[in-house]
Amino acid sequence: MRICVATIVHHPEDARITHRQIQALLESGHEVTYIAPFTSCNVTPRPEVRAIDVPRAAGPRPGRTLRAARSALRRGVQDADLLLVHDIELLPALPVHRPPTVWDVHEDTAGGLTARDRLPSALRRILPPLVRRLERRAERRLHLILAEESFRSRFPGDHPVIPNLTYVPDSPPPPPGDRRVVYVGRISAARGATEMVELARLLKPYGIRLDLIGPVDAGIRPMLRDAQRVGLLDWFGYVPNRHALRMAQGALAGLSLLHDLPNHRESMPAKVIEYMARGIPVVTTPLPGAVSLVERAGCGVIVPFRDPGAVAEAVLRLRDDPERRTAMGAHGHAHALRHYHWPDHAAEFVTALERWADVPGTVPLPRPIRPVTI
């Protein structure tokens, strides 16, 4: 199967797109054309794919970006058996003449608009109904993959759910230490950036540092720079997911301080699963999905929304109880290995695409799939 994969929003090294889905397709013997903002993100495409460079949608000229995307899609689908797009922003740019097309729905776009503080309030009211209308139209015309079970309320058709999983090491990772707290993922106000800076201030007298690993929203960047300049925390910027998780191993706790917003409320934070996979105790706000997972696995602590003092107390209790935090890390790793190991679910993803493209599998999917680096 020849498949064209496209994004103008996500980083070209996005873990779901590149290190899970494209990796699974390549290891199944399929050919991949990858349309992504390589130059904008300073990324060299992997040699196994045919790469087509496009501007990133976050740029200052959205019209130009969409025109470039439309041209890239026309090139990418010329000999493709299937087109897989990852952004709602790409739907208006789809070529008229195209192969079977799949939209991988990663997030609740309409719900996420409420978290965009820089968006005028009038637009935050007007845009969600327009987004929902575009989603309904896409469901009638495209195949869909959903990243969350909760998305079924938006898309009532029979669509496969391919959740955001991770690669879980077979052997237990190093036990949690007592000097470092980590956060891996995009850094924004809605994801607890302000609370994490205050947490770093509260933990500094105890000799515990905060490591932030991930890209940051423009409005938050000055605050992080100031905090790093005075030695409150270490901010590493964007790091490819597999390397970021390896950096996080051995931490006292992994943070998931998402706010109580519509696009967070029904989702399962992928970072919680990633912390578990790396044997890191989880400290999370009480979103239903995160609470359910942490309580089932016995791998972490629940803290109130927007309460850095409570987070600091939870971290200090873990620091003072090495037996408890080691048990949490071990329980999280074991649970993730049993239920959230991507190679155990990759075949379902590949088979769905082959069925829609009406192309038989080229090579049986190897078991287990492993990325180059864990």
Protein backbone atom coordinates (compact mmCIF):
# COMPACT_ATOMS: atom_id res chain seq x y z
CA MET A 1 0.00 0.00 0.00
CA ARG A 2 1.17 3.50 -0.83
CA ILE A 3 -0.12 5.91 1.79
CA CYS A 4 0.14 9.70 2.02
CA VAL A 5 0.21 11.03 5.60
CA ALA A 6 -0.30 14.77 6.11
CA THR A 7 -0.15 17.36 8.88
CA ILE A 8 0.36 21.12 8.90
CA VAL A 9 -0.38 21.56 12.63
CA HIS A 10 1.59 18.87 14.43
CA HIS A 11 5.35 18.67 14.78
CA PRO A 12 6.84 16.30 12.15
CA GLU A 13 8.20 14.17 15.02
CA ASP A 14 4.77 13.93 16.68
CA ALA A 15 4.77 10.69 18.66
CA ARG A 16 1.38 9.44 17.44
CA ILE A 17 2.01 10.24 13.78
CA THR A 18 5.67 9.38 13.29
CA HIS A 19 6.78 7.00 16.00
CA ARG A 20 3.60 4.93 16.17
CA GLN A 21 1.54 5.10 13.00
CA ILE A 22 4.20 5.71 10.34
CA GLN A 23 6.53 3.28 12.12
CA ALA A 24 3.82 0.59 12.04
CA LEU A 25 3.12 1.20 8.35
CA LEU A 26 6.78 1.00 7.38
CA GLU A 27 7.33 -2.16 9.39
CA SER A 28 4.31 -3.68 7.65
CA GLY A 29 6.01 -3.14 4.30
CA HIS A 30 3.95 -0.17 3.12
CA GLU A 31 5.32 2.95 1.40
CA VAL A 32 4.77 6.34 3.05
CA THR A 33 4.74 9.86 1.67
CA TYR A 34 4.82 12.30 4.58
CA ILE A 35 3.61 15.90 4.19
CA ALA A 36 4.72 17.92 7.23
CA PRO A 37 6.32 21.25 8.23
CA PHE A 38 9.90 19.95 8.29
CA THR A 39 11.67 23.27 7.64
CA SER A 40 9.42 25.25 10.00
CA CYS A 41 10.31 22.82 12.82
CA ASN A 42 13.97 22.37 11.80
CA VAL A 43 13.50 18.62 11.29
CA THR A 44 15.30 16.36 8.83
CA PRO A 45 12.84 13.81 7.39
CA ARG A 46 13.55 10.18 8.11
CA PRO A 47 15.06 8.47 5.04
CA GLU A 48 12.41 5.73 4.86
CA VAL A 49 9.68 8.17 3.80
CA ARG A 50 9.16 10.38 0.78
CA ALA A 51 8.96 13.83 2.37
CA ILE A 52 7.03 16.87 1.14
CA ASP A 53 7.71 20.08 3.07
CA VAL A 54 4.93 22.58 3.89
CA PRO A 55 4.69 25.69 6.10
CA ARG A 56 3.27 25.18 9.58
CA ALA A 57 -0.29 26.30 10.21
CA ALA A 58 0.78 28.38 13.21
CA GLY A 59 2.50 30.87 10.90
CA PRO A 60 1.38 34.47 10.30
CA ARG A 61 -0.09 33.84 6.81
CA PRO A 62 -2.82 31.17 7.05
CA GLY A 63 -4.01 31.68 3.46
CA ARG A 64 -0.55 30.98 2.09
CA THR A 65 -0.22 27.94 4.34
CA LEU A 66 -3.51 26.50 3.10
CA ARG A 67 -2.56 27.04 -0.55
CA ALA A 68 0.78 25.31 0.03
CA ALA A 69 -1.01 22.44 1.76
CA ARG A 70 -3.47 22.06 -1.11
CA SER A 71 -0.61 21.88 -3.62
CA ALA A 72 1.32 19.40 -1.46
CA LEU A 73 -1.73 17.15 -1.10
CA ARG A 74 -2.25 17.08 -4.86
CA ARG A 75 1.37 15.94 -5.28
CA GLY A 76 1.22 13.49 -2.41
CA VAL A 77 -1.87 11.59 -3.57
CA GLN A 78 -0.88 11.18 -7.22
CA ASP A 79 0.13 7.53 -6.74
CA ALA A 80 -1.35 6.92 -3.27
CA ASP A 81 -3.82 4.19 -2.34
CA LEU A 82 -4.92 6.11 0.77
CA LEU A 83 -4.67 9.60 2.26
CA LEU A 84 -4.40 9.98 6.04
CA VAL A 85 -4.78 13.53 7.42
CA HIS A 86 -4.28 14.56 11.03
CA ASP A 87 -5.65 18.12 11.17
CA ILE A 88 -9.12 19.58 10.84
CA GLU A 89 -7.35 22.52 9.20
CA LEU A 90 -6.52 20.27 6.22
CA LEU A 91 -10.12 19.32 5.45
CA PRO A 92 -10.82 22.43 3.31
CA ALA A 93 -7.63 21.71 1.34
CA LEU A 94 -8.43 18.11 0.34
CA PRO A 95 -8.04 17.49 -3.41
CA VAL A 96 -11.20 16.79 -5.38
CA HIS A 97 -9.53 13.80 -7.03
CA ARG A 98 -8.08 11.75 -4.22
CA PRO A 99 -7.94 8.17 -2.97
CA PRO A 100 -9.96 6.95 0.04
CA THR A 101 -9.29 9.49 2.78
CA VAL A 102 -9.01 9.03 6.55
CA TRP A 103 -9.12 11.75 9.19
CA ASP A 104 -7.40 10.81 12.43
CA VAL A 105 -9.27 12.82 15.07
CA HIS A 106 -6.74 13.64 17.80
CA GLU A 107 -8.61 16.18 19.87
CA ASP A 108 -11.78 18.12 20.54
CA THR A 109 -11.07 21.16 18.38
CA ALA A 110 -14.24 23.04 19.33
CA GLY A 111 -13.72 22.38 23.03
CA GLY A 112 -10.09 23.46 22.76
CA LEU A 113 -11.10 26.92 21.57
CA THR A 114 -12.15 27.76 25.13
CA ALA A 115 -8.53 27.39 26.23
CA ARG A 116 -7.17 29.91 23.72
CA ASP A 117 -6.93 33.01 25.87
CA ARG A 118 -5.63 35.16 23.01
CA LEU A 119 -8.66 34.37 20.85
CA PRO A 120 -11.31 37.14 21.07
CA SER A 121 -14.31 36.09 23.15
CA ALA A 122 -16.65 36.67 20.19
CA LEU A 123 -14.71 34.15 18.10
CA ARG A 124 -14.70 31.67 20.99
CA ARG A 125 -18.51 31.79 20.82
CA ILE A 126 -18.88 31.73 17.04
CA LEU A 127 -16.25 29.16 16.03
CA PRO A 128 -17.36 26.03 17.95
CA PRO A 129 -20.67 25.63 16.02
CA LEU A 130 -18.78 26.08 12.74
CA VAL A 131 -16.24 23.45 13.78
CA ARG A 132 -19.00 21.00 14.73
CA ARG A 133 -20.63 21.55 11.33
CA LEU A 134 -17.31 20.81 9.59
CA GLU A 135 -16.93 17.65 11.69
CA ARG A 136 -20.40 16.40 10.73
CA ARG A 137 -19.65 17.00 7.06
CA ALA A 138 -16.31 15.18 7.38
CA GLU A 139 -18.01 12.18 8.98
CA ARG A 140 -20.32 11.85 5.98
CA ARG A 141 -17.49 12.04 3.43
CA LEU A 142 -14.40 10.49 5.07
CA HIS A 143 -13.29 7.50 7.08
CA LEU A 144 -12.52 8.43 10.68
CA ILE A 145 -10.15 7.17 13.35
CA LEU A 146 -10.81 8.41 16.89
CA ALA A 147 -8.11 8.84 19.51
CA GLU A 148 -10.58 8.73 22.42
CA GLU A 149 -13.67 6.68 23.25
CA SER A 150 -15.30 9.92 24.42
CA PHE A 151 -15.18 11.26 20.83
CA ARG A 152 -18.03 8.87 19.95
CA SER A 153 -20.46 11.46 21.31
CA ARG A 154 -19.35 13.80 18.49
CA PHE A 155 -19.13 11.11 15.82
CA PRO A 156 -21.96 8.58 16.26
CA GLY A 157 -20.90 6.39 13.32
CA ASP A 158 -19.00 3.14 13.67
CA HIS A 159 -15.40 4.40 13.77
CA PRO A 160 -12.39 2.54 15.17
CA VAL A 161 -10.77 3.99 18.28
CA ILE A 162 -6.96 3.96 18.14
CA PRO A 163 -5.94 5.47 21.50
CA ASN A 164 -2.80 7.43 22.28
CA LEU A 165 -0.57 4.69 23.63
CA THR A 166 3.19 4.42 24.00
CA TYR A 167 6.10 2.02 23.82
CA VAL A 168 6.54 0.41 27.23
CA PRO A 169 9.97 -1.04 28.08
CA ASP A 170 9.83 -4.78 28.83
CA SER A 171 12.04 -4.47 31.88
CA PRO A 172 11.20 -2.14 34.79
CA PRO A 173 12.73 1.34 34.42
CA PRO A 174 14.97 2.84 37.15
CA PRO A 175 13.10 3.52 40.42
CA PRO A 176 11.94 7.09 41.11
CA GLY A 177 14.54 9.36 42.68
CA ASP A 178 13.98 12.19 45.14
CA ARG A 179 15.48 15.33 43.55
CA ARG A 180 13.54 16.01 40.36
CA VAL A 181 9.94 16.50 39.19
CA VAL A 182 9.17 16.43 35.45
CA TYR A 183 6.59 17.56 32.94
CA VAL A 184 6.60 16.27 29.35
CA GLY A 185 4.38 17.80 26.68
CA ARG A 186 3.14 21.09 25.33
CA ILE A 187 3.35 23.89 27.91
CA SER A 188 0.41 26.28 28.09
CA ALA A 189 -1.73 28.09 30.63
CA ALA A 190 -4.50 25.49 30.26
CA ARG A 191 -1.98 22.72 30.94
CA GLY A 192 -0.87 24.23 34.22
CA ALA A 193 2.13 26.38 33.24
CA THR A 194 1.51 29.05 35.88
CA GLU A 195 0.99 26.45 38.60
CA MET A 196 4.19 24.65 37.61
CA VAL A 197 6.26 27.81 37.88
CA GLU A 198 4.83 28.43 41.36
CA LEU A 199 5.47 24.78 42.23
CA ALA A 200 9.10 25.20 41.26
CA ARG A 201 9.33 28.18 43.64
CA LEU A 202 7.77 26.16 46.48
CA LEU A 203 10.07 23.16 45.94
CA LYS A 204 13.34 25.03 45.53
CA PRO A 205 14.03 25.35 49.29
CA TYR A 206 13.81 21.55 49.53
CA GLY A 207 16.41 20.97 46.81
CA ILE A 208 13.87 19.57 44.33
CA ARG A 209 14.07 20.93 40.80
CA LEU A 210 11.45 21.02 38.07
CA ASP A 211 12.29 19.90 34.52
CA LEU A 212 9.92 21.07 31.77
CA ILE A 213 10.35 19.21 28.48
CA GLY A 214 8.28 20.46 25.57
CA PRO A 215 7.33 23.39 23.34
CA VAL A 216 5.67 26.39 24.91
CA ASP A 217 2.83 28.68 23.84
CA ALA A 218 4.07 32.16 22.92
CA GLY A 219 2.25 33.88 25.78
CA ILE A 220 3.92 31.65 28.37
CA ARG A 221 7.47 31.84 27.05
CA PRO A 222 8.52 35.05 28.90
CA MET A 223 7.38 33.60 32.23
CA LEU A 224 9.41 30.42 31.68
CA ARG A 225 12.48 32.35 30.58
CA ASP A 226 12.32 34.49 33.72
CA ALA A 227 11.88 31.42 35.93
CA GLN A 228 14.80 29.66 34.29
CA ARG A 229 16.98 32.76 34.49
CA VAL A 230 16.62 32.91 38.28
CA GLY A 231 17.22 29.16 38.66
CA LEU A 232 13.71 28.03 39.55
CA LEU A 233 13.48 25.38 36.85
CA ASP A 234 15.06 23.88 33.75
CA TRP A 235 13.15 24.25 30.49
CA PHE A 236 14.50 22.08 27.66
CA GLY A 237 12.12 23.09 24.87
CA TYR A 238 10.94 20.60 22.28
CA VAL A 239 12.58 17.17 22.50
CA PRO A 240 11.40 14.17 20.39
CA ASN A 241 9.03 12.10 22.48
CA ARG A 242 11.19 8.99 22.83
CA HIS A 243 14.16 11.06 24.00
CA ALA A 244 11.99 13.20 26.30
CA LEU A 245 10.64 10.12 28.08
CA ARG A 246 14.12 8.72 28.49
CA MET A 247 15.15 12.05 30.06
CA ALA A 248 12.16 11.83 32.42
CA GLN A 249 13.04 8.37 33.78
CA GLY A 250 14.07 8.32 37.42
CA ALA A 251 12.05 11.41 38.36
CA LEU A 252 10.31 11.70 41.71
CA ALA A 253 6.99 12.49 39.97
CA GLY A 254 5.50 13.30 36.57
CA LEU A 255 3.05 16.21 36.43
CA SER A 256 -0.29 16.42 34.60
CA LEU A 257 -1.92 19.61 35.89
CA LEU A 258 -4.52 20.12 33.17
CA HIS A 259 -7.32 22.59 33.92
CA ASP A 260 -10.98 21.56 34.01
CA LEU A 261 -11.86 22.51 30.43
CA PRO A 262 -14.23 20.81 27.95
CA ASN A 263 -11.48 19.38 25.73
CA HIS A 264 -9.69 17.93 28.80
CA ARG A 265 -12.68 16.68 30.75
CA GLU A 266 -13.47 13.52 28.76
CA SER A 267 -9.98 12.70 27.53
CA MET A 268 -7.24 10.45 28.82
CA PRO A 269 -4.03 12.52 29.14
CA ALA A 270 -1.41 10.65 27.11
CA LYS A 271 1.33 11.94 29.39
CA VAL A 272 -0.16 9.98 32.31
CA ILE A 273 0.31 6.75 30.35
CA GLU A 274 3.80 7.82 29.30
CA TYR A 275 4.84 8.49 32.91
CA MET A 276 3.47 5.09 33.93
CA ALA A 277 5.41 3.38 31.14
CA ARG A 278 8.62 4.91 32.46
CA GLY A 279 7.98 3.98 36.10
CA ILE A 280 7.33 7.57 37.24
CA PRO A 281 4.67 8.25 39.92
CA VAL A 282 1.91 10.47 38.54
CA VAL A 283 0.62 13.68 40.10
CA THR A 284 -2.56 14.69 38.28
CA THR A 285 -5.54 16.98 38.58
CA PRO A 286 -8.92 15.23 39.07
CA LEU A 287 -9.99 14.81 35.45
CA PRO A 288 -12.18 11.69 35.26
CA GLY A 289 -10.00 9.70 32.84
CA ALA A 290 -6.80 10.40 34.74
CA VAL A 291 -8.40 9.65 38.12
CA SER A 292 -9.80 6.34 36.88
CA LEU A 293 -6.46 5.23 35.47
CA VAL A 294 -4.34 6.32 38.44
CA GLU A 295 -6.69 4.67 40.92
CA ARG A 296 -6.90 1.44 38.91
CA ALA A 297 -3.13 1.17 38.56
CA GLY A 298 -2.23 2.52 42.01
CA CYS A 299 0.42 4.69 40.40
CA GLY A 300 -0.07 8.24 41.59
CA VAL A 301 -1.68 11.06 43.52
CA ILE A 302 -4.72 13.25 42.74
CA VAL A 303 -4.45 16.98 43.49
CA PRO A 304 -6.99 19.83 43.18
CA PHE A 305 -7.15 22.05 40.09
CA ARG A 306 -5.00 25.20 40.12
CA ASP A 307 -3.47 24.51 43.55
CA PRO A 308 0.34 24.50 43.41
CA GLY A 309 0.51 24.31 47.22
CA ALA A 310 -1.33 20.99 47.20
CA VAL A 311 0.96 19.73 44.42
CA ALA A 312 4.03 20.69 46.46
CA GLU A 313 2.66 18.83 49.49
CA ALA A 314 2.02 15.73 47.38
CA VAL A 315 5.55 15.84 45.95
CA LEU A 316 7.13 16.23 49.40
CA ARG A 317 5.12 13.30 50.74
CA LEU A 318 6.42 11.15 47.89
CA ARG A 319 9.95 12.35 48.56
CA ASP A 320 9.67 11.33 52.21
CA ASP A 321 8.26 7.88 51.41
CA PRO A 322 10.63 6.05 49.05
CA GLU A 323 8.82 2.74 49.50
CA ARG A 324 5.51 4.26 48.39
CA ARG A 325 6.89 6.06 45.34
CA THR A 326 8.85 2.98 44.25
CA ALA A 327 5.70 0.87 44.49
CA MET A 328 3.75 3.47 42.48
CA GLY A 329 6.39 3.47 39.76
CA ALA A 330 6.40 -0.33 39.57
CA HIS A 331 2.60 -0.57 39.53
CA GLY A 332 2.34 2.05 36.78
CA HIS A 333 4.90 0.31 34.58
CA ALA A 334 3.27 -3.10 35.00
CA HIS A 335 -0.21 -1.73 34.22
CA ALA A 336 1.03 0.16 31.16
CA LEU A 337 2.83 -2.93 29.84
CA ARG A 338 -0.35 -5.00 30.15
CA HIS A 339 -2.78 -2.48 28.67
CA TYR A 340 -1.10 0.43 26.84
CA HIS A 341 1.83 -1.01 24.88
CA TRP A 342 1.49 0.35 21.32
CA PRO A 343 2.77 -2.80 19.51
CA ASP A 344 -0.17 -4.72 20.95
CA HIS A 345 -2.57 -2.38 19.11
CA ALA A 346 -0.62 -1.37 15.98
CA ALA A 347 -2.00 -4.20 13.84
CA GLU A 348 -5.55 -2.88 14.34
CA PHE A 349 -4.49 0.50 12.94
CA VAL A 350 -2.69 -0.96 9.92
CA THR A 351 -5.51 -3.39 9.16
CA ALA A 352 -8.11 -0.60 9.20
CA LEU A 353 -6.14 1.41 6.63
CA GLU A 354 -5.61 -1.65 4.42
CA ARG A 355 -9.34 -2.37 4.51
CA TRP A 356 -10.29 1.17 3.52
CA ALA A 357 -7.69 1.22 0.75
CA ASP A 358 -8.81 -2.27 -0.32
CA VAL A 359 -5.16 -3.30 -0.40
CA PRO A 360 -3.96 -6.56 1.20
CA GLY A 361 -1.21 -6.43 3.79
CA THR A 362 2.25 -6.57 2.22
CA VAL A 363 4.20 -8.07 5.12
CA PRO A 364 2.84 -9.47 8.41
CA LEU A 365 3.26 -6.92 11.17
CA PRO A 366 6.29 -7.89 13.30
CA ARG A 367 5.74 -8.61 16.98
CA PRO A 368 6.76 -6.70 18.92
CA ILE A 369 7.37 -3.44 17.10
CA ARG A 370 10.15 -1.42 18.63
CA PRO A 371 11.37 2.04 17.69
CA VAL A 372 15.06 2.52 17.13
CA THR A 373 15.50 3.93 20.62
CA ILE A 374 13.47 3.32 23.80
